C-alpha atoms as a PDB file:
ATOM      1  CA  MET A   1     107.554  45.643   2.373  1.00  0.00           C
ATOM      2  CA  THR A   2     106.103  42.644   4.265  1.00  0.00           C
ATOM      3  CA  PRO A   3     108.412  40.890   6.743  1.00  0.00           C
ATOM      4  CA  THR A   4     108.021  37.121   6.645  1.00  0.00           C
ATOM      5  CA  SER A   5     110.953  35.895   8.738  1.00  0.00           C
ATOM      6  CA  SER A   6     113.762  37.274  10.824  1.00  0.00           C
ATOM      7  CA  THR A   7     116.088  37.172   7.821  1.00  0.00           C
ATOM      8  CA  GLY A   8     113.885  37.310   4.723  1.00  0.00           C
ATOM      9  CA  GLN A   9     111.289  39.677   3.313  1.00  0.00           C
ATOM     10  CA  ILE A  10     108.638  39.594   0.632  1.00  0.00           C
ATOM     11  CA  ARG A  11     108.152  42.670  -1.489  1.00  0.00           C
ATOM     12  CA  ARG A  12     106.432  43.609  -4.731  1.00  0.00           C
ATOM     13  CA  LEU A  13     108.369  42.975  -7.941  1.00  0.00           C
ATOM     14  CA  ASP A  14     110.024  46.095  -9.344  1.00  0.00           C
ATOM     15  CA  PRO A  15     110.471  45.263 -13.066  1.00  0.00           C
ATOM     16  CA  LYS A  16     113.130  47.921 -13.579  1.00  0.00           C
ATOM     17  CA  ARG A  17     115.551  46.611 -10.967  1.00  0.00           C
ATOM     18  CA  ASP A  18     114.382  43.020 -10.410  1.00  0.00           C
ATOM     19  CA  LEU A  19     113.548  41.491 -13.789  1.00  0.00           C
ATOM     20  CA  SER A  20     117.123  40.754 -14.809  1.00  0.00           C
ATOM     21  CA  ARG A  21     117.822  39.054 -11.461  1.00  0.00           C
ATOM     22  CA  VAL A  22     114.548  37.123 -11.702  1.00  0.00           C
ATOM     23  CA  ALA A  23     115.615  35.877 -15.154  1.00  0.00           C
ATOM     24  CA  ASP A  24     118.889  34.594 -13.666  1.00  0.00           C
ATOM     25  CA  LEU A  25     117.024  32.984 -10.760  1.00  0.00           C
ATOM     26  CA  VAL A  26     114.451  31.240 -12.995  1.00  0.00           C
ATOM     27  CA  GLU A  27     117.155  29.994 -15.384  1.00  0.00           C
ATOM     28  CA  ALA A  28     119.209  28.507 -12.538  1.00  0.00           C
ATOM     29  CA  ALA A  29     116.280  27.125 -10.528  1.00  0.00           C
ATOM     30  CA  PHE A  30     114.732  25.279 -13.478  1.00  0.00           C
ATOM     31  CA  GLY A  31     117.983  24.366 -15.274  1.00  0.00           C
ATOM     32  CA  LEU A  32     116.958  26.103 -18.495  1.00  0.00           C
ATOM     33  CA  GLN A  33     120.434  26.626 -19.920  1.00  0.00           C
ATOM     34  CA  ASN A  34     119.967  23.770 -22.418  1.00  0.00           C
ATOM     35  CA  ASP A  35     116.199  24.114 -22.844  1.00  0.00           C
ATOM     36  CA  PRO A  36     115.374  26.072 -26.037  1.00  0.00           C
ATOM     37  CA  GLU A  37     111.806  26.952 -24.994  1.00  0.00           C
ATOM     38  CA  GLY A  38     112.837  27.924 -21.479  1.00  0.00           C
ATOM     39  CA  SER A  39     115.867  29.832 -22.722  1.00  0.00           C
ATOM     40  CA  SER A  40     113.631  31.789 -25.090  1.00  0.00           C
ATOM     41  CA  VAL A  41     111.411  32.887 -22.186  1.00  0.00           C
ATOM     42  CA  VAL A  42     114.434  33.862 -20.097  1.00  0.00           C
ATOM     43  CA  SER A  43     115.852  35.815 -23.042  1.00  0.00           C
ATOM     44  CA  GLN A  44     112.561  37.691 -23.387  1.00  0.00           C
ATOM     45  CA  MET A  45     112.691  38.555 -19.687  1.00  0.00           C
ATOM     46  CA  ARG A  46     116.219  39.918 -20.046  1.00  0.00           C
ATOM     47  CA  ASN A  47     115.291  41.953 -23.098  1.00  0.00           C
ATOM     48  CA  LEU A  48     112.326  43.387 -21.214  1.00  0.00           C
ATOM     49  CA  ALA A  49     114.564  44.191 -18.252  1.00  0.00           C
ATOM     50  CA  THR A  50     116.873  46.142 -20.575  1.00  0.00           C
ATOM     51  CA  PHE A  51     113.875  47.976 -22.037  1.00  0.00           C
ATOM     52  CA  TYR A  52     112.624  48.972 -18.573  1.00  0.00           C
ATOM     53  CA  ARG A  53     116.064  50.231 -17.551  1.00  0.00           C
ATOM     54  CA  THR A  54     116.222  52.298 -20.739  1.00  0.00           C
ATOM     55  CA  TYR A  55     112.650  53.589 -20.408  1.00  0.00           C
ATOM     56  CA  PRO A  56     111.880  53.642 -16.654  1.00  0.00           C
ATOM     57  CA  LEU A  57     108.402  55.102 -17.133  1.00  0.00           C
ATOM     58  CA  ALA A  58     107.350  52.001 -19.073  1.00  0.00           C
ATOM     59  CA  SER A  59     107.910  49.802 -16.018  1.00  0.00           C
ATOM     60  CA  THR A  60     105.442  51.858 -13.994  1.00  0.00           C
ATOM     61  CA  LEU A  61     102.786  51.329 -16.675  1.00  0.00           C
ATOM     62  CA  ALA A  62     103.345  47.576 -17.084  1.00  0.00           C
ATOM     63  CA  THR A  63     100.253  45.590 -16.143  1.00  0.00           C
ATOM     64  CA  ASN A  64     101.605  42.146 -16.994  1.00  0.00           C
ATOM     65  CA  GLN A  65     104.607  42.215 -14.655  1.00  0.00           C
ATOM     66  CA  THR A  66     102.837  41.619 -11.352  1.00  0.00           C
ATOM     67  CA  GLY A  67     104.618  39.467  -8.831  1.00  0.00           C
ATOM     68  CA  PHE A  68     106.624  39.221  -5.631  1.00  0.00           C
ATOM     69  CA  VAL A  69     110.206  38.431  -4.699  1.00  0.00           C
ATOM     70  CA  TRP A  70     111.886  37.151  -1.558  1.00  0.00           C
ATOM     71  CA  GLU A  71     115.019  38.975  -0.472  1.00  0.00           C
ATOM     72  CA  GLU A  72     117.505  37.574   1.981  1.00  0.00           C
ATOM     73  CA  ALA A  73     120.303  39.898   3.157  1.00  0.00           C
ATOM     74  CA  GLY A  74     119.979  41.923  -0.055  1.00  0.00           C
ATOM     75  CA  GLN A  75     120.025  38.815  -2.249  1.00  0.00           C
ATOM     76  CA  LEU A  76     117.007  37.971  -4.401  1.00  0.00           C
ATOM     77  CA  VAL A  77     116.474  34.258  -3.702  1.00  0.00           C
ATOM     78  CA  GLY A  78     112.776  33.662  -4.445  1.00  0.00           C
ATOM     79  CA  ASN A  79     110.201  34.737  -7.012  1.00  0.00           C
ATOM     80  CA  ILE A  80     106.553  34.306  -7.917  1.00  0.00           C
ATOM     81  CA  SER A  81     104.946  35.878 -10.981  1.00  0.00           C
ATOM     82  CA  LEU A  82     101.255  36.645 -11.452  1.00  0.00           C
ATOM     83  CA  ILE A  83     100.049  36.907 -15.049  1.00  0.00           C
ATOM     84  CA  PRO A  84      96.579  38.501 -15.264  1.00  0.00           C
ATOM     85  CA  PHE A  85      94.058  37.775 -17.997  1.00  0.00           C
ATOM     86  CA  HIS A  86      90.299  37.376 -18.392  1.00  0.00           C
ATOM     87  CA  ARG A  87      88.073  34.497 -19.424  1.00  0.00           C
ATOM     88  CA  ARG A  88      84.793  36.060 -20.451  1.00  0.00           C
ATOM     89  CA  LEU A  89      84.255  38.512 -17.551  1.00  0.00           C
ATOM     90  CA  THR A  90      86.154  36.545 -14.902  1.00  0.00           C
ATOM     91  CA  PRO A  91      89.579  37.884 -13.870  1.00  0.00           C
ATOM     92  CA  ILE A  92      92.158  35.089 -13.724  1.00  0.00           C
ATOM     93  CA  PHE A  93      95.715  35.077 -12.456  1.00  0.00           C
ATOM     94  CA  LEU A  94      98.243  32.502 -13.606  1.00  0.00           C
ATOM     95  CA  ILE A  95     100.901  31.770 -11.010  1.00  0.00           C
ATOM     96  CA  ALA A  96     104.211  31.252 -12.812  1.00  0.00           C
ATOM     97  CA  ASN A  97     107.978  31.162 -12.262  1.00  0.00           C
ATOM     98  CA  VAL A  98     107.768  30.041  -8.639  1.00  0.00           C
ATOM     99  CA  ALA A  99     111.499  29.685  -8.140  1.00  0.00           C
ATOM    100  CA  VAL A 100     113.855  29.525  -5.163  1.00  0.00           C
ATOM    101  CA  THR A 101     117.648  29.546  -5.270  1.00  0.00           C
ATOM    102  CA  PRO A 102     118.849  25.957  -4.571  1.00  0.00           C
ATOM    103  CA  GLY A 103     120.699  26.882  -1.395  1.00  0.00           C
ATOM    104  CA  PHE A 104     117.544  28.375   0.139  1.00  0.00           C
ATOM    105  CA  ARG A 105     115.088  25.574  -0.622  1.00  0.00           C
ATOM    106  CA  GLY A 106     113.274  23.699   2.131  1.00  0.00           C
ATOM    107  CA  LYS A 107     112.722  26.857   4.195  1.00  0.00           C
ATOM    108  CA  GLY A 108     109.109  27.481   3.185  1.00  0.00           C
ATOM    109  CA  ILE A 109     109.928  30.378   0.861  1.00  0.00           C
ATOM    110  CA  ALA A 110     107.861  29.060  -2.073  1.00  0.00           C
ATOM    111  CA  LYS A 111     104.891  28.421   0.207  1.00  0.00           C
ATOM    112  CA  ALA A 112     105.140  31.891   1.753  1.00  0.00           C
ATOM    113  CA  LEU A 113     105.301  33.511  -1.693  1.00  0.00           C
ATOM    114  CA  THR A 114     102.276  31.466  -2.843  1.00  0.00           C
ATOM    115  CA  GLN A 115     100.203  32.407   0.214  1.00  0.00           C
ATOM    116  CA  HIS A 116     101.149  36.062  -0.220  1.00  0.00           C
ATOM    117  CA  ALA A 117     100.106  35.942  -3.891  1.00  0.00           C
ATOM    118  CA  LEU A 118      96.770  34.368  -2.944  1.00  0.00           C
ATOM    119  CA  ARG A 119      96.090  37.137  -0.432  1.00  0.00           C
ATOM    120  CA  TYR A 120      96.954  39.712  -3.087  1.00  0.00           C
ATOM    121  CA  THR A 121      94.454  38.279  -5.575  1.00  0.00           C
ATOM    122  CA  GLN A 122      91.594  38.437  -3.055  1.00  0.00           C
ATOM    123  CA  GLN A 123      91.154  42.133  -3.766  1.00  0.00           C
ATOM    124  CA  TRP A 124      89.717  41.165  -7.173  1.00  0.00           C
ATOM    125  CA  GLY A 125      86.767  39.402  -5.574  1.00  0.00           C
ATOM    126  CA  HIS A 126      85.666  36.420  -7.644  1.00  0.00           C
ATOM    127  CA  SER A 127      88.947  35.992  -9.466  1.00  0.00           C
ATOM    128  CA  GLU A 128      90.384  32.573 -10.293  1.00  0.00           C
ATOM    129  CA  ILE A 129      93.981  31.467  -9.762  1.00  0.00           C
ATOM    130  CA  TRP A 130      95.620  28.818 -11.954  1.00  0.00           C
ATOM    131  CA  LEU A 131      99.108  27.378 -12.238  1.00  0.00           C
ATOM    132  CA  GLN A 132     101.197  24.815 -14.096  1.00  0.00           C
ATOM    133  CA  VAL A 133     103.571  22.506 -12.252  1.00  0.00           C
ATOM    134  CA  ARG A 134     105.741  19.662 -13.480  1.00  0.00           C
ATOM    135  CA  SER A 135     103.910  16.366 -13.022  1.00  0.00           C
ATOM    136  CA  ASP A 136     107.004  14.783 -11.438  1.00  0.00           C
ATOM    137  CA  ASN A 137     107.491  17.593  -8.895  1.00  0.00           C
ATOM    138  CA  GLN A 138     105.624  15.906  -6.063  1.00  0.00           C
ATOM    139  CA  VAL A 139     106.967  18.297  -3.408  1.00  0.00           C
ATOM    140  CA  ALA A 140     105.500  21.297  -5.220  1.00  0.00           C
ATOM    141  CA  ILE A 141     102.252  19.471  -6.026  1.00  0.00           C
ATOM    142  CA  ARG A 142     101.714  18.605  -2.353  1.00  0.00           C
ATOM    143  CA  MET A 143     102.439  22.197  -1.376  1.00  0.00           C
ATOM    144  CA  TYR A 144      99.826  23.461  -3.828  1.00  0.00           C
ATOM    145  CA  GLN A 145      97.322  20.825  -2.740  1.00  0.00           C
ATOM    146  CA  ASN A 146      97.811  21.901   0.877  1.00  0.00           C
ATOM    147  CA  SER A 147      97.118  25.464  -0.298  1.00  0.00           C
ATOM    148  CA  ASP A 148      93.781  24.261  -1.774  1.00  0.00           C
ATOM    149  CA  PHE A 149      94.811  23.932  -5.419  1.00  0.00           C
ATOM    150  CA  HIS A 150      93.182  21.092  -7.366  1.00  0.00           C
ATOM    151  CA  PHE A 151      94.200  19.248 -10.529  1.00  0.00           C
ATOM    152  CA  PHE A 152      92.114  19.865 -13.669  1.00  0.00           C
ATOM    153  CA  GLY A 153      94.247  18.660 -16.583  1.00  0.00           C
ATOM    154  CA  ALA A 154      97.712  17.776 -17.814  1.00  0.00           C
ATOM    155  CA  ILE A 155      99.754  18.094 -20.990  1.00  0.00           C
ATOM    156  CA  SER A 156     102.948  16.630 -22.395  1.00  0.00           C
ATOM    157  CA  GLN A 157     105.452  18.746 -24.278  1.00  0.00           C
ATOM    158  CA  TRP A 158     107.354  17.170 -27.173  1.00  0.00           C
ATOM    159  CA  ALA A 159     110.253  18.303 -29.366  1.00  0.00           C
ATOM    160  CA  LYS A 160     112.056  17.028 -32.428  1.00  0.00           C
ATOM    161  CA  SER A 161     115.626  18.152 -32.953  1.00  0.00           C
ATOM    162  CA  ALA A 162     116.620  20.087 -36.044  1.00  0.00           C
ATOM    163  CA  ASP A 163     117.876  18.005 -38.952  1.00  0.00           C
ATOM    164  CA  LEU A 164     119.761  19.882 -41.637  1.00  0.00           C
ATOM    165  CA  ASN A 165     120.501  16.671 -43.559  1.00  0.00           C
ATOM    166  CA  LEU A 166     117.034  15.640 -44.625  1.00  0.00           C
ATOM    167  CA  PRO A 167     115.414  13.172 -45.087  1.00  0.00           C
ATOM    168  CA  GLY A 168     116.668  12.530 -41.543  1.00  0.00           C
ATOM    169  CA  ILE A 169     115.272   9.434 -39.785  1.00  0.00           C
ATOM    170  CA  PRO A 170     114.329   6.510 -42.028  1.00  0.00           C
ATOM    171  CA  LEU A 171     110.624   6.639 -42.817  1.00  0.00           C
ATOM    172  CA  GLY A 172     108.796   3.598 -44.092  1.00  0.00           C
ATOM    173  CA  SER A 173     106.140   3.715 -46.771  1.00  0.00           C
ATOM    174  CA  SER A 174     102.720   4.749 -45.537  1.00  0.00           C
ATOM    175  CA  PRO A 175      99.845   2.299 -45.938  1.00  0.00           C
ATOM    176  CA  SER A 176      98.207   2.685 -49.315  1.00  0.00           C
ATOM    177  CA  GLN A 177      94.920   3.892 -47.854  1.00  0.00           C
ATOM    178  CA  PHE A 178      96.614   7.053 -46.472  1.00  0.00           C
ATOM    179  CA  GLU A 179      97.431  10.206 -48.384  1.00  0.00           C
ATOM    180  CA  THR A 180      97.682  13.903 -47.588  1.00  0.00           C
ATOM    181  CA  ARG A 181      96.512  17.168 -49.087  1.00  0.00           C
ATOM    182  CA  LYS A 182      96.153  20.784 -48.042  1.00  0.00           C
ATOM    183  CA  ARG A 183      93.277  21.398 -45.698  1.00  0.00           C
ATOM    184  CA  GLN A 184      90.132  22.661 -47.401  1.00  0.00           C
ATOM    185  CA  PRO A 185      87.505  25.080 -46.013  1.00  0.00           C
ATOM    186  CA  SER A 186      85.021  22.220 -45.730  1.00  0.00           C
ATOM    187  CA  ASP A 187      87.437  20.449 -43.325  1.00  0.00           C
ATOM    188  CA  TRP A 188      87.363  23.239 -40.746  1.00  0.00           C
ATOM    189  CA  PRO A 189      84.301  22.205 -38.651  1.00  0.00           C
ATOM    190  CA  GLU A 190      85.806  18.781 -37.961  1.00  0.00           C
ATOM    191  CA  GLN A 191      89.313  20.146 -37.374  1.00  0.00           C
ATOM    192  CA  LYS A 192      87.926  22.717 -34.940  1.00  0.00           C
ATOM    193  CA  ILE A 193      86.186  20.040 -32.856  1.00  0.00           C
ATOM    194  CA  TRP A 194      89.411  18.070 -32.515  1.00  0.00           C
ATOM    195  CA  LEU A 195      91.496  21.169 -31.748  1.00  0.00           C
ATOM    196  CA  ASP A 196      89.037  22.316 -29.065  1.00  0.00           C
ATOM    197  CA  TRP A 197      89.378  18.939 -27.390  1.00  0.00           C
ATOM    198  CA  ALA A 198      93.187  18.818 -27.475  1.00  0.00           C
ATOM    199  CA  TYR A 199      93.697  22.516 -26.629  1.00  0.00           C
ATOM    200  CA  PRO A 200      90.793  23.554 -24.355  1.00  0.00           C
ATOM    201  CA  ARG A 201      89.712  27.178 -24.451  1.00  0.00           C
ATOM    202  CA  GLU A 202      90.295  27.638 -20.735  1.00  0.00           C
ATOM    203  CA  THR A 203      94.009  26.915 -21.067  1.00  0.00           C
ATOM    204  CA  ARG A 204      94.870  27.934 -24.612  1.00  0.00           C
ATOM    205  CA  TRP A 205      95.124  31.686 -23.845  1.00  0.00           C
ATOM    206  CA  TYR A 206      98.853  31.387 -23.013  1.00  0.00           C
ATOM    207  CA  GLN A 207      99.774  29.637 -26.239  1.00  0.00           C
ATOM    208  CA  SER A 208     101.755  31.393 -28.943  1.00  0.00           C
ATOM    209  CA  VAL A 209      98.955  31.449 -31.520  1.00  0.00           C
ATOM    210  CA  ASP A 210      95.237  32.124 -31.468  1.00  0.00           C
ATOM    211  CA  LEU A 211      93.564  28.971 -32.763  1.00  0.00           C
ATOM    212  CA  ALA A 212      90.823  31.158 -34.222  1.00  0.00           C
ATOM    213  CA  PHE A 213      93.440  32.044 -36.854  1.00  0.00           C
ATOM    214  CA  PHE A 214      93.286  28.430 -38.058  1.00  0.00           C
ATOM    215  CA  SER A 215      89.861  29.096 -39.511  1.00  0.00           C
ATOM    216  CA  PRO A 216      89.891  29.448 -43.329  1.00  0.00           C
ATOM    217  CA  TRP A 217      87.725  32.548 -42.842  1.00  0.00           C
ATOM    218  CA  ALA A 218      90.453  34.316 -40.814  1.00  0.00           C
ATOM    219  CA  TRP A 219      91.838  35.599 -44.137  1.00  0.00           C
ATOM    220  CA  LEU A 220      88.840  37.942 -44.370  1.00  0.00           C
ATOM    221  CA  ASN A 221      90.609  40.197 -41.848  1.00  0.00           C
ATOM    222  CA  PRO A 222      93.616  41.887 -43.551  1.00  0.00           C
ATOM    223  CA  LEU A 223      95.112  42.717 -40.136  1.00  0.00           C
ATOM    224  CA  ARG A 224      95.758  39.005 -39.612  1.00  0.00           C
ATOM    225  CA  TRP A 225      97.510  38.305 -42.891  1.00  0.00           C
ATOM    226  CA  GLY A 226     101.006  38.635 -41.446  1.00  0.00           C
ATOM    227  CA  GLN A 227     100.311  35.875 -38.917  1.00  0.00           C
ATOM    228  CA  LEU A 228      98.268  33.719 -41.276  1.00  0.00           C
ATOM    229  CA  MET A 229     101.079  33.527 -43.811  1.00  0.00           C
ATOM    230  CA  ARG A 230     103.109  31.682 -41.165  1.00  0.00           C
ATOM    231  CA  LEU A 231     100.510  28.908 -40.894  1.00  0.00           C
ATOM    232  CA  GLU A 232     100.239  25.772 -43.040  1.00  0.00           C
ATOM    233  CA  HIS A 233      97.528  23.125 -42.647  1.00  0.00           C
ATOM    234  CA  LEU A 234      97.764  19.482 -43.667  1.00  0.00           C
ATOM    235  CA  CYS A 235      94.913  16.959 -43.880  1.00  0.00           C
ATOM    236  CA  LEU A 236      95.453  13.190 -43.597  1.00  0.00           C
ATOM    237  CA  LEU A 237      93.044  11.172 -45.748  1.00  0.00           C
ATOM    238  CA  GLU A 238      92.126   7.530 -45.286  1.00  0.00           C
ATOM    239  CA  ASN A 239      90.296   6.146 -48.289  1.00  0.00           C
ATOM    240  CA  SER A 240      89.582   9.765 -49.330  1.00  0.00           C
ATOM    241  CA  ARG A 241      88.051  10.609 -45.921  1.00  0.00           C
ATOM    242  CA  PRO A 242      89.609  13.320 -43.671  1.00  0.00           C
ATOM    243  CA  ARG A 243      90.946  11.545 -40.581  1.00  0.00           C
ATOM    244  CA  ALA A 244      93.420  13.960 -38.940  1.00  0.00           C
ATOM    245  CA  PHE A 245      94.901  17.443 -39.286  1.00  0.00           C
ATOM    246  CA  LEU A 246      98.274  19.037 -38.632  1.00  0.00           C
ATOM    247  CA  SER A 247      98.945  22.783 -38.493  1.00  0.00           C
ATOM    248  CA  LEU A 248     102.499  24.101 -38.776  1.00  0.00           C
ATOM    249  CA  GLN A 249     103.241  27.455 -37.146  1.00  0.00           C
ATOM    250  CA  LYS A 250     106.407  28.914 -38.644  1.00  0.00           C
ATOM    251  CA  THR A 251     108.314  31.283 -36.363  1.00  0.00           C
ATOM    252  CA  GLU A 252     111.330  33.558 -36.494  1.00  0.00           C
ATOM    253  CA  THR A 253     112.956  31.587 -33.676  1.00  0.00           C
ATOM    254  CA  LYS A 254     114.843  28.305 -33.970  1.00  0.00           C
ATOM    255  CA  THR A 255     111.673  26.289 -33.287  1.00  0.00           C
ATOM    256  CA  ASP A 256     108.418  25.885 -35.235  1.00  0.00           C
ATOM    257  CA  GLY A 257     105.178  24.790 -33.575  1.00  0.00           C
ATOM    258  CA  LEU A 258     102.925  21.856 -34.425  1.00  0.00           C
ATOM    259  CA  TRP A 259      99.211  21.586 -33.607  1.00  0.00           C
ATOM    260  CA  LEU A 260      97.521  18.218 -34.020  1.00  0.00           C
ATOM    261  CA  GLY A 261      93.824  17.687 -34.634  1.00  0.00           C
ATOM    262  CA  LEU A 262      93.133  14.001 -33.965  1.00  0.00           C
ATOM    263  CA  PRO A 263      89.821  12.226 -33.370  1.00  0.00           C
ATOM    264  CA  GLN A 264      89.015  10.822 -29.943  1.00  0.00           C
ATOM    265  CA  ASP A 265      88.863   7.182 -30.940  1.00  0.00           C
ATOM    266  CA  PRO A 266      91.001   4.037 -30.674  1.00  0.00           C
ATOM    267  CA  ASP A 267      92.837   4.977 -33.888  1.00  0.00           C
ATOM    268  CA  LEU A 268      94.258   8.183 -32.358  1.00  0.00           C
ATOM    269  CA  ASN A 269      97.819   6.826 -32.022  1.00  0.00           C
ATOM    270  CA  HIS A 270      97.776   5.176 -35.430  1.00  0.00           C
ATOM    271  CA  LEU A 271      96.425   8.274 -37.167  1.00  0.00           C
ATOM    272  CA  GLY A 272      98.846  10.541 -35.294  1.00  0.00           C
ATOM    273  CA  ARG A 273     101.783   8.361 -36.312  1.00  0.00           C
ATOM    274  CA  GLU A 274     100.790   8.434 -39.984  1.00  0.00           C
ATOM    275  CA  LEU A 275     100.054  12.166 -39.885  1.00  0.00           C
ATOM    276  CA  LEU A 276     103.457  13.043 -38.428  1.00  0.00           C
ATOM    277  CA  LYS A 277     105.219  10.603 -40.737  1.00  0.00           C
ATOM    278  CA  GLN A 278     103.631  12.148 -43.806  1.00  0.00           C
ATOM    279  CA  PHE A 279     104.429  15.670 -42.618  1.00  0.00           C
ATOM    280  CA  LEU A 280     108.072  14.881 -41.881  1.00  0.00           C
ATOM    281  CA  LYS A 281     108.507  13.161 -45.231  1.00  0.00           C
ATOM    282  CA  SER A 282     106.811  15.775 -47.398  1.00  0.00           C
ATOM    283  CA  GLN A 283     106.831  19.192 -45.687  1.00  0.00           C
ATOM    284  CA  TRP A 284     109.386  19.350 -42.894  1.00  0.00           C
ATOM    285  CA  GLN A 285     112.312  21.627 -43.739  1.00  0.00           C
ATOM    286  CA  GLY A 286     114.528  20.378 -40.932  1.00  0.00           C
ATOM    287  CA  LYS A 287     113.795  23.079 -38.333  1.00  0.00           C
ATOM    288  CA  ARG A 288     113.348  22.103 -34.685  1.00  0.00           C
ATOM    289  CA  LEU A 289     109.716  21.274 -33.844  1.00  0.00           C
ATOM    290  CA  PHE A 290     107.730  21.704 -30.638  1.00  0.00           C
ATOM    291  CA  ALA A 291     104.271  20.377 -29.764  1.00  0.00           C
ATOM    292  CA  GLU A 292     101.931  20.030 -26.803  1.00  0.00           C
ATOM    293  CA  TYR A 293      99.273  17.365 -26.439  1.00  0.00           C
ATOM    294  CA  PRO A 294      97.114  15.992 -23.602  1.00  0.00           C
ATOM    295  CA  LEU A 295      99.078  13.778 -21.222  1.00  0.00           C
ATOM    296  CA  GLY A 296      98.910  10.099 -22.153  1.00  0.00           C
ATOM    297  CA  MET A 297      97.537  10.752 -25.642  1.00  0.00           C
ATOM    298  CA  ALA A 298      99.345  10.046 -28.951  1.00  0.00           C
ATOM    299  CA  GLU A 299     102.579   9.214 -27.148  1.00  0.00           C
ATOM    300  CA  GLU A 300     103.542   6.434 -29.562  1.00  0.00           C
ATOM    301  CA  ALA A 301     102.738   8.733 -32.484  1.00  0.00           C
ATOM    302  CA  PHE A 302     105.381  11.185 -31.268  1.00  0.00           C
ATOM    303  CA  THR A 303     108.065   8.734 -30.160  1.00  0.00           C
ATOM    304  CA  SER A 304     107.871   6.639 -33.344  1.00  0.00           C
ATOM    305  CA  ASN A 305     108.608   9.767 -35.376  1.00  0.00           C
ATOM    306  CA  GLY A 306     111.681  10.808 -33.414  1.00  0.00           C
ATOM    307  CA  PHE A 307     110.145  13.256 -30.955  1.00  0.00           C
ATOM    308  CA  THR A 308     111.515  13.521 -27.418  1.00  0.00           C
ATOM    309  CA  ARG A 309     109.284  14.027 -24.420  1.00  0.00           C
ATOM    310  CA  LEU A 310     110.455  17.208 -22.685  1.00  0.00           C
ATOM    311  CA  ARG A 311     108.168  17.328 -19.662  1.00  0.00           C
ATOM    312  CA  ASP A 312     104.667  16.701 -18.358  1.00  0.00           C
ATOM    313  CA  LEU A 313     102.791  19.592 -16.761  1.00  0.00           C
ATOM    314  CA  ASN A 314      99.771  19.539 -14.453  1.00  0.00           C
ATOM    315  CA  TRP A 315      97.194  22.313 -14.578  1.00  0.00           C
ATOM    316  CA  MET A 316      95.875  23.199 -11.110  1.00  0.00           C
ATOM    317  CA  ARG A 317      93.154  25.632 -10.027  1.00  0.00           C
ATOM    318  CA  TYR A 318      92.667  27.308  -6.658  1.00  0.00           C
ATOM    319  CA  ARG A 319      89.316  26.951  -4.864  1.00  0.00           C
END
């Protein structure tokens, strides 16, 4: 236990007894009650908390539940999670779920938890520390900047509400030069280039699908077939030339994922708009959709097809 003030203390997260309270704290701090993606994460945390209470030994073996909490008079009022992973041979920690109960904000708790987490990671030598923070949360951004974190990218998250009464929003006729077909193996090299740009390797580790599974050659591994059967790939053609790609990731939750492969040229918005329009008209089954894309890119493509911007997130890295 590390004292940090006369009334509060920082201690290591105990998944068995803390995870359920952390889920409540994160849900309240970030207002996730009406956020399907956020609610899904909180639900997973609660399910894991139940699992650890049922099987206490499992919590002692967990390697992905590193973090610290702030207790005040027996009340858990602050949290910081550290998610470890590796990029090549470099150990990396993602700082996540930095949350403080509203009534205890402005007391330096988040900063103290962040500094404590940074000291903890120093024992791994040349490790890297990354985090995501809402682009409009200037208080948190300044705090991280003062702790020597630096911006290195940003994404926007988009969602389209479920529509059980298709065809849903009115969709005009596509220009005659556009048509769609299933992606072919010969399309993959170009699709891969565009995916690597939109979803960089250094940040895609946390996403819910391995983009290597998008390769047409992934079917050669029978162990992947269960996941591959949930993927569908669409190619947008302009005058018979592949111009953009869309991959649909079907899930067992209420939301399916979209992954856009668009060229880096002035037609990006136009091609994205036509790609989404064609998908919604021909393949969408009315389930809620979720997508991420680089901040400031293809915004009109999403909004013109009925998507709502959920949030913008900055990626920051500690030096």
